[in-house]
């Protein structure tokens, strides 16, 4: 089973995605890769946002969220990615599990 972790910052904004997709079937992995590649290309080509990504065995995307003027646009594109991953999860329930995780959040005791 593949596992996707949508990474969110302290404000709940998506800042990245990590995914182990080796165990997924070709159709399920292709659906995920196509979706994520479209998101990466939209962010880089249309919004000119810096994105680090890898589509090797494990899928990895990290988005530069430093341009606050583009927050709404970046959020819209990344929300589409999140929804798309959930749709793929429904289509291939035995092959993909999607989680959200907060990163960089410190809990004070």
Protein backbone atom coordinates (compact mmCIF):
# COMPACT_ATOMS: atom_id res chain seq x y z
CA UNK A 1 0.00 0.00 0.00
CA UNK A 2 1.20 3.49 -0.81
CA UNK A 3 1.14 6.19 1.82
CA UNK A 4 0.97 9.93 1.16
CA UNK A 5 1.67 12.49 3.88
CA UNK A 6 0.50 16.03 3.19
CA UNK A 7 2.76 18.29 5.25
CA UNK A 8 1.27 21.43 6.78
CA UNK A 9 2.87 24.36 8.58
CA UNK A 10 1.75 25.91 11.87
CA UNK A 11 -0.94 27.89 10.01
CA UNK A 12 -2.35 24.75 8.36
CA UNK A 13 -0.99 25.63 4.91
CA UNK A 14 0.31 22.80 2.75
CA UNK A 15 4.09 23.05 2.41
CA UNK A 16 4.99 19.64 1.08
CA UNK A 17 4.13 16.08 0.25
CA UNK A 18 6.00 12.85 0.82
CA UNK A 19 4.80 9.58 -0.57
CA UNK A 20 5.90 5.97 -0.58
CA UNK A 21 4.43 4.59 -3.78
CA UNK A 22 6.53 1.51 -4.53
CA UNK A 23 3.79 -0.95 -3.51
CA UNK A 24 1.08 0.70 -5.62
CA UNK A 25 -0.17 -0.71 -8.89
CA UNK A 26 0.84 1.08 -12.08
CA UNK A 27 -2.60 2.67 -12.64
CA UNK A 28 -2.82 4.03 -9.07
CA UNK A 29 0.75 5.35 -9.12
CA UNK A 30 0.20 6.93 -12.54
CA UNK A 31 -2.91 8.71 -11.28
CA UNK A 32 -1.00 10.15 -8.31
CA UNK A 33 2.07 11.09 -10.34
CA UNK A 34 0.01 12.81 -13.03
CA UNK A 35 -1.87 14.83 -10.43
CA UNK A 36 1.26 15.85 -8.53
CA UNK A 37 3.23 16.68 -11.69
CA UNK A 38 0.38 18.96 -12.81
CA UNK A 39 0.46 20.73 -9.44
CA UNK A 40 4.25 21.16 -9.56
CA UNK A 41 4.12 22.50 -13.12
CA UNK A 42 1.27 24.90 -12.27
CA UNK A 43 3.18 26.26 -9.29
CA UNK A 44 6.46 26.65 -11.17
CA UNK A 45 5.28 27.67 -14.66
CA UNK A 46 2.24 29.77 -13.83
CA UNK A 47 2.93 31.18 -10.36
CA UNK A 48 6.75 31.05 -10.59
CA UNK A 49 6.98 29.46 -7.14
CA UNK A 50 10.13 27.52 -6.24
CA UNK A 51 9.33 23.82 -5.84
CA UNK A 52 11.70 20.98 -4.99
CA UNK A 53 10.40 17.63 -6.23
CA UNK A 54 11.35 14.06 -6.99
CA UNK A 55 9.34 11.39 -8.77
CA UNK A 56 11.70 8.48 -8.12
CA UNK A 57 10.67 5.47 -6.01
CA UNK A 58 9.45 7.78 -3.27
CA UNK A 59 7.62 10.91 -4.35
CA UNK A 60 8.65 14.19 -2.72
CA UNK A 61 7.44 17.78 -3.11
CA UNK A 62 8.48 20.85 -1.08
CA UNK A 63 6.97 24.26 -1.80
CA UNK A 64 8.56 27.64 -1.06
CA UNK A 65 5.81 29.59 0.74
CA UNK A 66 7.86 32.76 1.28
CA UNK A 67 5.90 34.99 -1.15
CA UNK A 68 2.91 36.02 0.96
CA UNK A 69 1.31 37.81 -2.01
CA UNK A 70 0.66 34.42 -3.61
CA UNK A 71 -0.82 32.69 -0.55
CA UNK A 72 -4.36 32.42 -1.95
CA UNK A 73 -3.20 31.17 -5.34
CA UNK A 74 -0.76 28.65 -3.85
CA UNK A 75 -3.43 27.50 -1.39
CA UNK A 76 -5.90 26.96 -4.25
CA UNK A 77 -3.47 24.85 -6.27
CA UNK A 78 -2.38 22.82 -3.23
CA UNK A 79 -5.96 22.32 -2.01
CA UNK A 80 -6.69 20.85 -5.44
CA UNK A 81 -3.76 18.46 -4.95
CA UNK A 82 -5.11 17.43 -1.54
CA UNK A 83 -8.61 16.83 -2.93
CA UNK A 84 -7.18 14.93 -5.88
CA UNK A 85 -5.16 12.65 -3.61
CA UNK A 86 -8.29 11.93 -1.57
CA UNK A 87 -10.14 11.04 -4.79
CA UNK A 88 -7.36 8.64 -5.79
CA UNK A 89 -7.50 7.20 -2.25
CA UNK A 90 -11.23 6.51 -2.76
CA UNK A 91 -10.66 5.00 -6.21
CA UNK A 92 -7.85 2.74 -4.94
CA UNK A 93 -8.66 2.15 -1.24
CA UNK A 94 -6.41 -0.90 -0.96
CA UNK A 95 -3.48 0.95 -2.52
CA UNK A 96 -3.29 4.47 -1.09
CA UNK A 97 -3.68 6.01 2.33
CA UNK A 98 -3.50 9.82 2.68
CA UNK A 99 -2.58 11.56 5.94
CA UNK A 100 -2.04 15.15 7.05
CA UNK A 101 0.87 16.01 9.33
CA UNK A 102 1.91 19.29 10.92
CA UNK A 103 5.60 20.08 10.68
CA UNK A 104 7.62 22.56 12.65
CA UNK A 105 5.00 22.81 15.40
CA UNK A 106 6.44 22.85 18.89
CA UNK A 107 4.30 21.95 21.87
CA UNK A 108 5.10 23.81 25.06
CA UNK A 109 4.69 21.82 28.29
